[in-house]
């Protein structure tokens, strides 16, 4: 629910808070810290290293989804919202928005799903 409040927030490369603008990892880091107090790095690949992989069919709202959008693994990320949708801060169109995992663009670039939750 917290993530939905960030829809239409402006994009800014390196952005870490909604007032200044957010990039993808800044958005995820900001949400996780606000909701749980847990601090994550401001880097999609760094966040991937600190989370546990899960099967795509096991995705639950709040899990993280990763994409290869720059020719390198984990170069973009978002938060899964359920029903095949995720929220992210893309540089294209310049605002936090919701997209579908099965959209042609993101389905072709999907790297995997990961969770912040420990096993068990």
PDB file of N, CA and C in Angstrom:
ATOM      1  N   UNK A   1       0.822  -1.193   0.000  1.00  0.00           N
ATOM      2  CA  UNK A   1       0.000   0.000   0.000  1.00  0.00           C
ATOM      3  C   UNK A   1       0.871   1.264   0.000  1.00  0.00           C
ATOM      4  N   UNK A   2       1.969   1.195   0.748  1.00  0.00           N
ATOM      5  CA  UNK A   2       2.864   2.345   0.816  1.00  0.00           C
ATOM      6  C   UNK A   2       3.376   2.693  -0.583  1.00  0.00           C
ATOM      7  N   UNK A   3       3.711   1.658  -1.362  1.00  0.00           N
ATOM      8  CA  UNK A   3       4.242   1.870  -2.709  1.00  0.00           C
ATOM      9  C   UNK A   3       3.242   2.604  -3.603  1.00  0.00           C
ATOM     10  N   UNK A   4       1.968   2.312  -3.458  1.00  0.00           N
ATOM     11  CA  UNK A   4       0.956   2.958  -4.299  1.00  0.00           C
ATOM     12  C   UNK A   4       0.936   4.469  -4.090  1.00  0.00           C
ATOM     13  N   UNK A   5       1.292   4.922  -2.908  1.00  0.00           N
ATOM     14  CA  UNK A   5       1.350   6.347  -2.632  1.00  0.00           C
ATOM     15  C   UNK A   5       2.451   7.061  -3.403  1.00  0.00           C
ATOM     16  N   UNK A   6       3.367   6.294  -4.006  1.00  0.00           N
ATOM     17  CA  UNK A   6       4.463   6.897  -4.770  1.00  0.00           C
ATOM     18  C   UNK A   6       4.181   6.975  -6.271  1.00  0.00           C
ATOM     19  N   UNK A   7       3.049   6.440  -6.703  1.00  0.00           N
ATOM     20  CA  UNK A   7       2.704   6.532  -8.130  1.00  0.00           C
ATOM     21  C   UNK A   7       2.767   7.985  -8.590  1.00  0.00           C
ATOM     22  N   UNK A   8       3.322   8.193  -9.761  1.00  0.00           N
ATOM     23  CA  UNK A   8       3.484   9.514 -10.391  1.00  0.00           C
ATOM     24  C   UNK A   8       4.580  10.376  -9.771  1.00  0.00           C
ATOM     25  N   UNK A   9       5.331   9.837  -8.793  1.00  0.00           N
ATOM     26  CA  UNK A   9       6.502  10.557  -8.279  1.00  0.00           C
ATOM     27  C   UNK A   9       7.508  10.674  -9.410  1.00  0.00           C
ATOM     28  N   UNK A  10       8.157  11.794  -9.515  1.00  0.00           N
ATOM     29  CA  UNK A  10       9.116  12.021 -10.591  1.00  0.00           C
ATOM     30  C   UNK A  10      10.345  11.128 -10.509  1.00  0.00           C
ATOM     31  N   UNK A  11      10.878  10.786 -11.682  1.00  0.00           N
ATOM     32  CA  UNK A  11      12.110   9.997 -11.772  1.00  0.00           C
ATOM     33  C   UNK A  11      13.315  10.924 -11.669  1.00  0.00           C
ATOM     34  N   UNK A  12      14.329  10.466 -10.960  1.00  0.00           N
ATOM     35  CA  UNK A  12      15.616  11.152 -10.926  1.00  0.00           C
ATOM     36  C   UNK A  12      16.693  10.113 -10.723  1.00  0.00           C
ATOM     37  N   UNK A  13      17.662  10.041 -11.644  1.00  0.00           N
ATOM     38  CA  UNK A  13      18.767   9.101 -11.506  1.00  0.00           C
ATOM     39  C   UNK A  13      19.476   9.370 -10.188  1.00  0.00           C
ATOM     40  N   UNK A  14      19.657   8.339  -9.391  1.00  0.00           N
ATOM     41  CA  UNK A  14      20.289   8.490  -8.090  1.00  0.00           C
ATOM     42  C   UNK A  14      19.341   8.969  -7.007  1.00  0.00           C
ATOM     43  N   UNK A  15      18.067   9.203  -7.366  1.00  0.00           N
ATOM     44  CA  UNK A  15      17.097   9.722  -6.407  1.00  0.00           C
ATOM     45  C   UNK A  15      16.777   8.733  -5.309  1.00  0.00           C
ATOM     46  N   UNK A  16      16.718   9.243  -4.069  1.00  0.00           N
ATOM     47  CA  UNK A  16      16.511   8.390  -2.905  1.00  0.00           C
ATOM     48  C   UNK A  16      15.270   8.733  -2.093  1.00  0.00           C
ATOM     49  N   UNK A  17      14.577   9.810  -2.461  1.00  0.00           N
ATOM     50  CA  UNK A  17      13.364  10.153  -1.717  1.00  0.00           C
ATOM     51  C   UNK A  17      12.351  10.806  -2.657  1.00  0.00           C
ATOM     52  N   UNK A  18      11.085  10.700  -2.315  1.00  0.00           N
ATOM     53  CA  UNK A  18      10.038  11.192  -3.208  1.00  0.00           C
ATOM     54  C   UNK A  18      10.086  12.694  -3.472  1.00  0.00           C
ATOM     55  N   UNK A  19      10.586  13.465  -2.532  1.00  0.00           N
ATOM     56  CA  UNK A  19      10.630  14.913  -2.729  1.00  0.00           C
ATOM     57  C   UNK A  19      11.610  15.309  -3.828  1.00  0.00           C
ATOM     58  N   UNK A  20      12.730  14.603  -3.909  1.00  0.00           N
ATOM     59  CA  UNK A  20      13.756  14.922  -4.904  1.00  0.00           C
ATOM     60  C   UNK A  20      13.596  14.093  -6.177  1.00  0.00           C
ATOM     61  N   UNK A  21      12.816  13.024  -6.121  1.00  0.00           N
ATOM     62  CA  UNK A  21      12.683  12.098  -7.237  1.00  0.00           C
ATOM     63  C   UNK A  21      13.330  10.775  -6.884  1.00  0.00           C
ATOM     64  N   UNK A  22      12.921   9.721  -7.578  1.00  0.00           N
ATOM     65  CA  UNK A  22      13.385   8.373  -7.273  1.00  0.00           C
ATOM     66  C   UNK A  22      13.862   7.664  -8.532  1.00  0.00           C
ATOM     67  N   UNK A  23      14.882   6.829  -8.379  1.00  0.00           N
ATOM     68  CA  UNK A  23      15.183   5.860  -9.422  1.00  0.00           C
ATOM     69  C   UNK A  23      14.713   4.499  -8.901  1.00  0.00           C
ATOM     70  N   UNK A  24      14.911   3.429  -9.661  1.00  0.00           N
ATOM     71  CA  UNK A  24      14.295   2.147  -9.294  1.00  0.00           C
ATOM     72  C   UNK A  24      14.784   1.626  -7.950  1.00  0.00           C
ATOM     73  N   UNK A  25      16.095   1.602  -7.739  1.00  0.00           N
ATOM     74  CA  UNK A  25      16.598   1.072  -6.468  1.00  0.00           C
ATOM     75  C   UNK A  25      16.351   2.054  -5.332  1.00  0.00           C
ATOM     76  N   UNK A  26      16.358   3.330  -5.619  1.00  0.00           N
ATOM     77  CA  UNK A  26      16.030   4.322  -4.607  1.00  0.00           C
ATOM     78  C   UNK A  26      14.600   4.177  -4.128  1.00  0.00           C
ATOM     79  N   UNK A  27      13.690   3.895  -5.059  1.00  0.00           N
ATOM     80  CA  UNK A  27      12.297   3.686  -4.691  1.00  0.00           C
ATOM     81  C   UNK A  27      12.159   2.464  -3.792  1.00  0.00           C
ATOM     82  N   UNK A  28      12.769   1.344  -4.198  1.00  0.00           N
ATOM     83  CA  UNK A  28      12.677   0.116  -3.404  1.00  0.00           C
ATOM     84  C   UNK A  28      13.313   0.323  -2.029  1.00  0.00           C
ATOM     85  N   UNK A  29      14.503   0.893  -1.987  1.00  0.00           N
ATOM     86  CA  UNK A  29      15.191   1.135  -0.713  1.00  0.00           C
ATOM     87  C   UNK A  29      14.358   2.024   0.200  1.00  0.00           C
ATOM     88  N   UNK A  30      13.781   3.079  -0.363  1.00  0.00           N
ATOM     89  CA  UNK A  30      12.962   4.010   0.411  1.00  0.00           C
ATOM     90  C   UNK A  30      11.748   3.283   1.012  1.00  0.00           C
ATOM     91  N   UNK A  31      11.041   2.527   0.198  1.00  0.00           N
ATOM     92  CA  UNK A  31       9.845   1.819   0.672  1.00  0.00           C
ATOM     93  C   UNK A  31      10.208   0.821   1.763  1.00  0.00           C
ATOM     94  N   UNK A  32      11.240   0.017   1.531  1.00  0.00           N
ATOM     95  CA  UNK A  32      11.631  -1.003   2.512  1.00  0.00           C
ATOM     96  C   UNK A  32      12.013  -0.346   3.839  1.00  0.00           C
ATOM     97  N   UNK A  33      12.753   0.735   3.771  1.00  0.00           N
ATOM     98  CA  UNK A  33      13.159   1.404   5.009  1.00  0.00           C
ATOM     99  C   UNK A  33      11.958   2.006   5.743  1.00  0.00           C
ATOM    100  N   UNK A  34      11.039   2.614   5.011  1.00  0.00           N
ATOM    101  CA  UNK A  34       9.860   3.220   5.638  1.00  0.00           C
ATOM    102  C   UNK A  34       8.954   2.170   6.273  1.00  0.00           C
ATOM    103  N   UNK A  35       8.818   1.028   5.615  1.00  0.00           N
ATOM    104  CA  UNK A  35       7.890   0.001   6.075  1.00  0.00           C
ATOM    105  C   UNK A  35       8.505  -0.880   7.165  1.00  0.00           C
ATOM    106  N   UNK A  36       9.791  -1.230   7.014  1.00  0.00           N
ATOM    107  CA  UNK A  36      10.386  -2.215   7.927  1.00  0.00           C
ATOM    108  C   UNK A  36      11.563  -1.696   8.749  1.00  0.00           C
ATOM    109  N   UNK A  37      12.113  -0.546   8.357  1.00  0.00           N
ATOM    110  CA  UNK A  37      13.306  -0.047   9.025  1.00  0.00           C
ATOM    111  C   UNK A  37      14.584  -0.661   8.505  1.00  0.00           C
ATOM    112  N   UNK A  38      14.469  -1.618   7.624  1.00  0.00           N
ATOM    113  CA  UNK A  38      15.642  -2.298   7.050  1.00  0.00           C
ATOM    114  C   UNK A  38      16.273  -1.416   5.981  1.00  0.00           C
ATOM    115  N   UNK A  39      17.586  -1.262   6.038  1.00  0.00           N
ATOM    116  CA  UNK A  39      18.296  -0.452   5.046  1.00  0.00           C
ATOM    117  C   UNK A  39      18.874  -1.354   3.963  1.00  0.00           C
ATOM    118  N   UNK A  40      18.685  -0.930   2.735  1.00  0.00           N
ATOM    119  CA  UNK A  40      19.214  -1.648   1.578  1.00  0.00           C
ATOM    120  C   UNK A  40      20.145  -0.726   0.804  1.00  0.00           C
ATOM    121  N   UNK A  41      21.054  -1.302   0.043  1.00  0.00           N
ATOM    122  CA  UNK A  41      21.915  -0.449  -0.783  1.00  0.00           C
ATOM    123  C   UNK A  41      21.101   0.251  -1.860  1.00  0.00           C
ATOM    124  N   UNK A  42      21.654   1.325  -2.382  1.00  0.00           N
ATOM    125  CA  UNK A  42      20.994   2.057  -3.464  1.00  0.00           C
ATOM    126  C   UNK A  42      21.559   1.564  -4.794  1.00  0.00           C
ATOM    127  N   UNK A  43      21.291   0.298  -5.087  1.00  0.00           N
ATOM    128  CA  UNK A  43      21.818  -0.340  -6.286  1.00  0.00           C
ATOM    129  C   UNK A  43      21.054  -1.641  -6.478  1.00  0.00           C
ATOM    130  N   UNK A  44      20.444  -1.820  -7.646  1.00  0.00           N
ATOM    131  CA  UNK A  44      19.619  -3.007  -7.882  1.00  0.00           C
ATOM    132  C   UNK A  44      20.421  -4.300  -7.723  1.00  0.00           C
ATOM    133  N   UNK A  45      21.635  -4.349  -8.268  1.00  0.00           N
ATOM    134  CA  UNK A  45      22.454  -5.557  -8.145  1.00  0.00           C
ATOM    135  C   UNK A  45      22.820  -5.809  -6.681  1.00  0.00           C
ATOM    136  N   UNK A  46      23.110  -4.757  -5.930  1.00  0.00           N
ATOM    137  CA  UNK A  46      23.415  -4.902  -4.509  1.00  0.00           C
ATOM    138  C   UNK A  46      22.224  -5.402  -3.715  1.00  0.00           C
ATOM    139  N   UNK A  47      21.039  -4.941  -4.060  1.00  0.00           N
ATOM    140  CA  UNK A  47      19.824  -5.422  -3.397  1.00  0.00           C
ATOM    141  C   UNK A  47      19.612  -6.893  -3.746  1.00  0.00           C
ATOM    142  N   UNK A  48      19.848  -7.262  -4.993  1.00  0.00           N
ATOM    143  CA  UNK A  48      19.698  -8.661  -5.405  1.00  0.00           C
ATOM    144  C   UNK A  48      20.609  -9.566  -4.579  1.00  0.00           C
ATOM    145  N   UNK A  49      21.813  -9.112  -4.297  1.00  0.00           N
ATOM    146  CA  UNK A  49      22.758  -9.910  -3.502  1.00  0.00           C
ATOM    147  C   UNK A  49      22.261 -10.135  -2.077  1.00  0.00           C
ATOM    148  N   UNK A  50      21.442  -9.258  -1.560  1.00  0.00           N
ATOM    149  CA  UNK A  50      20.993  -9.320  -0.168  1.00  0.00           C
ATOM    150  C   UNK A  50      19.586  -9.908  -0.017  1.00  0.00           C
ATOM    151  N   UNK A  51      19.080 -10.465  -1.086  1.00  0.00           N
ATOM    152  CA  UNK A  51      17.744 -11.047  -1.048  1.00  0.00           C
ATOM    153  C   UNK A  51      17.806 -12.491  -1.530  1.00  0.00           C
ATOM    154  N   UNK A  52      16.739 -13.226  -1.279  1.00  0.00           N
ATOM    155  CA  UNK A  52      16.699 -14.656  -1.596  1.00  0.00           C
ATOM    156  C   UNK A  52      15.885 -14.887  -2.868  1.00  0.00           C
ATOM    157  N   UNK A  53      16.430 -15.669  -3.820  1.00  0.00           N
ATOM    158  CA  UNK A  53      15.657 -15.955  -5.033  1.00  0.00           C
ATOM    159  C   UNK A  53      14.421 -16.802  -4.729  1.00  0.00           C
ATOM    160  N   UNK A  54      13.375 -16.538  -5.484  1.00  0.00           N
ATOM    161  CA  UNK A  54      12.154 -17.333  -5.388  1.00  0.00           C
ATOM    162  C   UNK A  54      11.657 -17.627  -6.799  1.00  0.00           C
ATOM    163  N   UNK A  55      10.848 -18.649  -6.916  1.00  0.00           N
ATOM    164  CA  UNK A  55      10.247 -18.983  -8.210  1.00  0.00           C
ATOM    165  C   UNK A  55       9.227 -17.910  -8.583  1.00  0.00           C
ATOM    166  N   UNK A  56       9.140 -17.623  -9.860  1.00  0.00           N
ATOM    167  CA  UNK A  56       8.196 -16.600 -10.327  1.00  0.00           C
ATOM    168  C   UNK A  56       6.777 -16.924  -9.895  1.00  0.00           C
ATOM    169  N   UNK A  57       6.404 -18.194  -9.936  1.00  0.00           N
ATOM    170  CA  UNK A  57       5.040 -18.562  -9.551  1.00  0.00           C
ATOM    171  C   UNK A  57       4.802 -18.424  -8.043  1.00  0.00           C
ATOM    172  N   UNK A  58       5.866 -18.208  -7.263  1.00  0.00           N
ATOM    173  CA  UNK A  58       5.734 -18.013  -5.817  1.00  0.00           C
ATOM    174  C   UNK A  58       5.662 -16.532  -5.434  1.00  0.00           C
ATOM    175  N   UNK A  59       5.684 -15.630  -6.424  1.00  0.00           N
ATOM    176  CA  UNK A  59       5.643 -14.190  -6.144  1.00  0.00           C
ATOM    177  C   UNK A  59       4.437 -13.810  -5.297  1.00  0.00           C
ATOM    178  N   UNK A  60       4.700 -12.978  -4.300  1.00  0.00           N
ATOM    179  CA  UNK A  60       3.664 -12.420  -3.445  1.00  0.00           C
ATOM    180  C   UNK A  60       3.838 -10.904  -3.429  1.00  0.00           C
ATOM    181  N   UNK A  61       2.774 -10.153  -3.195  1.00  0.00           N
ATOM    182  CA  UNK A  61       2.931  -8.698  -3.099  1.00  0.00           C
ATOM    183  C   UNK A  61       4.040  -8.340  -2.096  1.00  0.00           C
ATOM    184  N   UNK A  62       4.887  -7.419  -2.507  1.00  0.00           N
ATOM    185  CA  UNK A  62       6.022  -7.001  -1.689  1.00  0.00           C
ATOM    186  C   UNK A  62       7.328  -7.645  -2.098  1.00  0.00           C
ATOM    187  N   UNK A  63       7.268  -8.733  -2.870  1.00  0.00           N
ATOM    188  CA  UNK A  63       8.503  -9.339  -3.377  1.00  0.00           C
ATOM    189  C   UNK A  63       9.101  -8.440  -4.457  1.00  0.00           C
ATOM    190  N   UNK A  64      10.348  -8.676  -4.772  1.00  0.00           N
ATOM    191  CA  UNK A  64      11.059  -7.837  -5.730  1.00  0.00           C
ATOM    192  C   UNK A  64      11.209  -8.548  -7.064  1.00  0.00           C
ATOM    193  N   UNK A  65      11.116  -7.785  -8.130  1.00  0.00           N
ATOM    194  CA  UNK A  65      11.312  -8.318  -9.484  1.00  0.00           C
ATOM    195  C   UNK A  65      12.466  -7.551 -10.130  1.00  0.00           C
ATOM    196  N   UNK A  66      13.283  -8.298 -10.875  1.00  0.00           N
ATOM    197  CA  UNK A  66      14.500  -7.738 -11.459  1.00  0.00           C
ATOM    198  C   UNK A  66      14.524  -7.950 -12.964  1.00  0.00           C
ATOM    199  N   UNK A  67      15.153  -6.998 -13.645  1.00  0.00           N
ATOM    200  CA  UNK A  67      15.194  -6.994 -15.105  1.00  0.00           C
ATOM    201  C   UNK A  67      16.590  -6.636 -15.596  1.00  0.00           C
ATOM    202  N   UNK A  68      16.890  -7.082 -16.801  1.00  0.00           N
ATOM    203  CA  UNK A  68      18.120  -6.702 -17.490  1.00  0.00           C
ATOM    204  C   UNK A  68      17.715  -5.713 -18.575  1.00  0.00           C
ATOM    205  N   UNK A  69      17.812  -4.429 -18.261  1.00  0.00           N
ATOM    206  CA  UNK A  69      17.400  -3.397 -19.214  1.00  0.00           C
ATOM    207  C   UNK A  69      18.584  -2.661 -19.829  1.00  0.00           C
ATOM    208  N   UNK A  70      19.778  -2.905 -19.307  1.00  0.00           N
ATOM    209  CA  UNK A  70      20.965  -2.194 -19.793  1.00  0.00           C
ATOM    210  C   UNK A  70      22.053  -3.140 -20.274  1.00  0.00           C
ATOM    211  N   UNK A  71      21.680  -4.377 -20.595  1.00  0.00           N
ATOM    212  CA  UNK A  71      22.666  -5.351 -21.060  1.00  0.00           C
ATOM    213  C   UNK A  71      23.501  -5.935 -19.933  1.00  0.00           C
ATOM    214  N   UNK A  72      23.008  -5.783 -18.693  1.00  0.00           N
ATOM    215  CA  UNK A  72      23.683  -6.411 -17.548  1.00  0.00           C
ATOM    216  C   UNK A  72      22.613  -6.863 -16.555  1.00  0.00           C
ATOM    217  N   UNK A  73      22.872  -7.979 -15.880  1.00  0.00           N
ATOM    218  CA  UNK A  73      21.884  -8.496 -14.928  1.00  0.00           C
ATOM    219  C   UNK A  73      21.553  -7.493 -13.837  1.00  0.00           C
ATOM    220  N   UNK A  74      20.322  -7.538 -13.401  1.00  0.00           N
ATOM    221  CA  UNK A  74      19.838  -6.729 -12.286  1.00  0.00           C
ATOM    222  C   UNK A  74      20.083  -5.233 -12.474  1.00  0.00           C
ATOM    223  N   UNK A  75      19.816  -4.753 -13.675  1.00  0.00           N
ATOM    224  CA  UNK A  75      20.003  -3.318 -13.935  1.00  0.00           C
ATOM    225  C   UNK A  75      18.730  -2.510 -13.693  1.00  0.00           C
ATOM    226  N   UNK A  76      17.605  -3.186 -13.457  1.00  0.00           N
ATOM    227  CA  UNK A  76      16.354  -2.494 -13.133  1.00  0.00           C
ATOM    228  C   UNK A  76      15.549  -3.391 -12.200  1.00  0.00           C
ATOM    229  N   UNK A  77      14.717  -2.773 -11.376  1.00  0.00           N
ATOM    230  CA  UNK A  77      13.927  -3.554 -10.421  1.00  0.00           C
ATOM    231  C   UNK A  77      12.638  -2.847 -10.063  1.00  0.00           C
ATOM    232  N   UNK A  78      11.746  -3.602  -9.454  1.00  0.00           N
ATOM    233  CA  UNK A  78      10.497  -3.051  -8.963  1.00  0.00           C
ATOM    234  C   UNK A  78       9.943  -3.922  -7.855  1.00  0.00           C
ATOM    235  N   UNK A  79       8.776  -3.560  -7.370  1.00  0.00           N
ATOM    236  CA  UNK A  79       8.102  -4.297  -6.300  1.00  0.00           C
ATOM    237  C   UNK A  79       6.832  -4.912  -6.871  1.00  0.00           C
ATOM    238  N   UNK A  80       6.685  -6.214  -6.677  1.00  0.00           N
ATOM    239  CA  UNK A  80       5.511  -6.922  -7.171  1.00  0.00           C
ATOM    240  C   UNK A  80       4.293  -6.517  -6.358  1.00  0.00           C
ATOM    241  N   UNK A  81       3.193  -6.234  -7.063  1.00  0.00           N
ATOM    242  CA  UNK A  81       1.972  -5.764  -6.414  1.00  0.00           C
ATOM    243  C   UNK A  81       0.851  -6.809  -6.429  1.00  0.00           C
ATOM    244  N   UNK A  82       1.035  -7.892  -7.173  1.00  0.00           N
ATOM    245  CA  UNK A  82      -0.014  -8.903  -7.315  1.00  0.00           C
ATOM    246  C   UNK A  82      -0.671  -8.799  -8.682  1.00  0.00           C
ATOM    247  N   UNK A  83      -1.382  -9.832  -9.063  1.00  0.00           N
ATOM    248  CA  UNK A  83      -2.105  -9.870 -10.341  1.00  0.00           C
ATOM    249  C   UNK A  83      -1.219  -9.578 -11.541  1.00  0.00           C
ATOM    250  N   UNK A  84       0.049  -9.988 -11.470  1.00  0.00           N
ATOM    251  CA  UNK A  84       0.964  -9.800 -12.597  1.00  0.00           C
ATOM    252  C   UNK A  84       1.483  -8.382 -12.762  1.00  0.00           C
ATOM    253  N   UNK A  85       1.242  -7.515 -11.786  1.00  0.00           N
ATOM    254  CA  UNK A  85       1.651  -6.110 -11.890  1.00  0.00           C
ATOM    255  C   UNK A  85       2.782  -5.802 -10.917  1.00  0.00           C
ATOM    256  N   UNK A  86       3.602  -4.831 -11.293  1.00  0.00           N
ATOM    257  CA  UNK A  86       4.659  -4.355 -10.416  1.00  0.00           C
ATOM    258  C   UNK A  86       4.780  -2.847 -10.530  1.00  0.00           C
ATOM    259  N   UNK A  87       5.292  -2.233  -9.472  1.00  0.00           N
ATOM    260  CA  UNK A  87       5.506  -0.793  -9.442  1.00  0.00           C
ATOM    261  C   UNK A  87       7.004  -0.554  -9.536  1.00  0.00           C
ATOM    262  N   UNK A  88       7.383   0.460 -10.306  1.00  0.00           N
ATOM    263  CA  UNK A  88       8.808   0.738 -10.494  1.00  0.00           C
ATOM    264  C   UNK A  88       8.988   2.195 -10.893  1.00  0.00           C
ATOM    265  N   UNK A  89      10.258   2.611 -10.884  1.00  0.00           N
ATOM    266  CA  UNK A  89      10.608   3.990 -11.243  1.00  0.00           C
ATOM    267  C   UNK A  89      11.480   3.943 -12.496  1.00  0.00           C
ATOM    268  N   UNK A  90      10.853   3.895 -13.666  1.00  0.00           N
ATOM    269  CA  UNK A  90      11.625   3.851 -14.905  1.00  0.00           C
ATOM    270  C   UNK A  90      12.031   5.254 -15.353  1.00  0.00           C
ATOM    271  N   UNK A  91      13.128   5.326 -16.062  1.00  0.00           N
ATOM    272  CA  UNK A  91      13.532   6.632 -16.592  1.00  0.00           C
ATOM    273  C   UNK A  91      12.635   7.042 -17.751  1.00  0.00           C
ATOM    274  N   UNK A  92      12.101   6.054 -18.485  1.00  0.00           N
ATOM    275  CA  UNK A  92      11.205   6.395 -19.589  1.00  0.00           C
ATOM    276  C   UNK A  92       9.886   6.917 -19.019  1.00  0.00           C
ATOM    277  N   UNK A  93       9.393   7.978 -19.579  1.00  0.00           N
ATOM    278  CA  UNK A  93       8.169   8.669 -19.152  1.00  0.00           C
ATOM    279  C   UNK A  93       8.311   9.344 -17.794  1.00  0.00           C
ATOM    280  N   UNK A  94       9.445   9.166 -17.127  1.00  0.00           N
ATOM    281  CA  UNK A  94       9.830   9.975 -15.994  1.00  0.00           C
ATOM    282  C   UNK A  94       9.024   9.950 -14.716  1.00  0.00           C
ATOM    283  N   UNK A  95       8.228   8.897 -14.467  1.00  0.00           N
ATOM    284  CA  UNK A  95       7.440   8.843 -13.237  1.00  0.00           C
ATOM    285  C   UNK A  95       7.312   7.412 -12.736  1.00  0.00           C
ATOM    286  N   UNK A  96       7.159   7.275 -11.416  1.00  0.00           N
ATOM    287  CA  UNK A  96       6.863   5.965 -10.834  1.00  0.00           C
ATOM    288  C   UNK A  96       5.527   5.509 -11.405  1.00  0.00           C
ATOM    289  N   UNK A  97       5.507   4.269 -11.865  1.00  0.00           N
ATOM    290  CA  UNK A  97       4.282   3.773 -12.485  1.00  0.00           C
ATOM    291  C   UNK A  97       4.143   2.265 -12.282  1.00  0.00           C
ATOM    292  N   UNK A  98       2.992   1.756 -12.659  1.00  0.00           N
ATOM    293  CA  UNK A  98       2.686   0.336 -12.590  1.00  0.00           C
ATOM    294  C   UNK A  98       2.757  -0.232 -14.010  1.00  0.00           C
ATOM    295  N   UNK A  99       3.346  -1.413 -14.126  1.00  0.00           N
ATOM    296  CA  UNK A  99       3.390  -2.127 -15.403  1.00  0.00           C
ATOM    297  C   UNK A  99       3.110  -3.596 -15.145  1.00  0.00           C
ATOM    298  N   UNK A 100       2.937  -4.342 -16.230  1.00  0.00           N
ATOM    299  CA  UNK A 100       2.682  -5.782 -16.144  1.00  0.00           C
ATOM    300  C   UNK A 100       3.956  -6.561 -16.440  1.00  0.00           C
ATOM    301  N   UNK A 101       4.167  -7.630 -15.678  1.00  0.00           N
ATOM    302  CA  UNK A 101       5.322  -8.495 -15.924  1.00  0.00           C
ATOM    303  C   UNK A 101       5.247  -9.142 -17.301  1.00  0.00           C
ATOM    304  N   UNK A 102       4.037  -9.393 -17.784  1.00  0.00           N
ATOM    305  CA  UNK A 102       3.904 -10.069 -19.076  1.00  0.00           C
ATOM    306  C   UNK A 102       3.861  -9.106 -20.261  1.00  0.00           C
ATOM    307  N   UNK A 103       4.109  -7.816 -20.009  1.00  0.00           N
ATOM    308  CA  UNK A 103       4.205  -6.893 -21.150  1.00  0.00           C
ATOM    309  C   UNK A 103       5.421  -7.314 -21.974  1.00  0.00           C
ATOM    310  N   UNK A 104       5.362  -7.080 -23.241  1.00  0.00           N
ATOM    311  CA  UNK A 104       6.439  -7.550 -24.124  1.00  0.00           C
ATOM    312  C   UNK A 104       7.809  -7.052 -23.670  1.00  0.00           C
ATOM    313  N   UNK A 105       7.913  -5.777 -23.358  1.00  0.00           N
ATOM    314  CA  UNK A 105       9.196  -5.204 -22.972  1.00  0.00           C
ATOM    315  C   UNK A 105       9.752  -5.882 -21.717  1.00  0.00           C
ATOM    316  N   UNK A 106       8.965  -5.961 -20.665  1.00  0.00           N
ATOM    317  CA  UNK A 106       9.473  -6.492 -19.400  1.00  0.00           C
ATOM    318  C   UNK A 106       9.581  -8.012 -19.414  1.00  0.00           C
ATOM    319  N   UNK A 107       8.688  -8.707 -20.072  1.00  0.00           N
ATOM    320  CA  UNK A 107       8.789 -10.169 -20.144  1.00  0.00           C
ATOM    321  C   UNK A 107      10.091 -10.585 -20.814  1.00  0.00           C
ATOM    322  N   UNK A 108      10.510  -9.861 -21.851  1.00  0.00           N
ATOM    323  CA  UNK A 108      11.757 -10.179 -22.555  1.00  0.00           C
ATOM    324  C   UNK A 108      13.003  -9.883 -21.728  1.00  0.00           C
ATOM    325  N   UNK A 109      12.887  -9.059 -20.710  1.00  0.00           N
ATOM    326  CA  UNK A 109      14.043  -8.620 -19.917  1.00  0.00           C
ATOM    327  C   UNK A 109      14.021  -9.125 -18.476  1.00  0.00           C
ATOM    328  N   UNK A 110      13.026  -9.943 -18.144  1.00  0.00           N
ATOM    329  CA  UNK A 110      12.870 -10.425 -16.778  1.00  0.00           C
ATOM    330  C   UNK A 110      14.073 -11.271 -16.351  1.00  0.00           C
ATOM    331  N   UNK A 111      14.660 -10.937 -15.198  1.00  0.00           N
ATOM    332  CA  UNK A 111      15.830 -11.647 -14.655  1.00  0.00           C
ATOM    333  C   UNK A 111      15.443 -12.608 -13.547  1.00  0.00           C
ATOM    334  N   UNK A 112      14.374 -12.319 -12.848  1.00  0.00           N
ATOM    335  CA  UNK A 112      13.966 -13.196 -11.760  1.00  0.00           C
ATOM    336  C   UNK A 112      13.293 -12.440 -10.639  1.00  0.00           C
ATOM    337  N   UNK A 113      12.819 -13.228  -9.676  1.00  0.00           N
ATOM    338  CA  UNK A 113      12.119 -12.703  -8.514  1.00  0.00           C
ATOM    339  C   UNK A 113      12.930 -13.035  -7.269  1.00  0.00           C
ATOM    340  N   UNK A 114      12.854 -12.146  -6.300  1.00  0.00           N
ATOM    341  CA  UNK A 114      13.585 -12.336  -5.058  1.00  0.00           C
ATOM    342  C   UNK A 114      12.717 -11.816  -3.917  1.00  0.00           C
ATOM    343  N   UNK A 115      12.989 -12.298  -2.718  1.00  0.00           N
ATOM    344  CA  UNK A 115      12.219 -11.869  -1.555  1.00  0.00           C
ATOM    345  C   UNK A 115      13.150 -11.384  -0.451  1.00  0.00           C
ATOM    346  N   UNK A 116      12.648 -10.485   0.363  1.00  0.00           N
ATOM    347  CA  UNK A 116      13.367 -10.001   1.529  1.00  0.00           C
ATOM    348  C   UNK A 116      13.202 -10.936   2.718  1.00  0.00           C
ATOM    349  N   UNK A 117      12.213 -11.813   2.640  1.00  0.00           N
ATOM    350  CA  UNK A 117      11.906 -12.687   3.759  1.00  0.00           C
ATOM    351  C   UNK A 117      12.906 -13.829   3.873  1.00  0.00           C
ATOM    352  N   UNK A 118      13.243 -14.232   5.092  1.00  0.00           N
ATOM    353  CA  UNK A 118      14.136 -15.376   5.265  1.00  0.00           C
ATOM    354  C   UNK A 118      13.414 -16.663   4.858  1.00  0.00           C
ATOM    355  N   UNK A 119      14.186 -17.707   4.625  1.00  0.00           N
ATOM    356  CA  UNK A 119      13.571 -18.993   4.275  1.00  0.00           C
ATOM    357  C   UNK A 119      12.731 -19.493   5.425  1.00  0.00           C
ATOM    358  N   UNK A 120      11.675 -20.254   5.041  1.00  0.00           N
ATOM    359  CA  UNK A 120      10.857 -20.875   6.077  1.00  0.00           C
ATOM    360  C   UNK A 120       9.632 -20.185   6.370  1.00  0.00           C
TER     361      UNK A 120
END
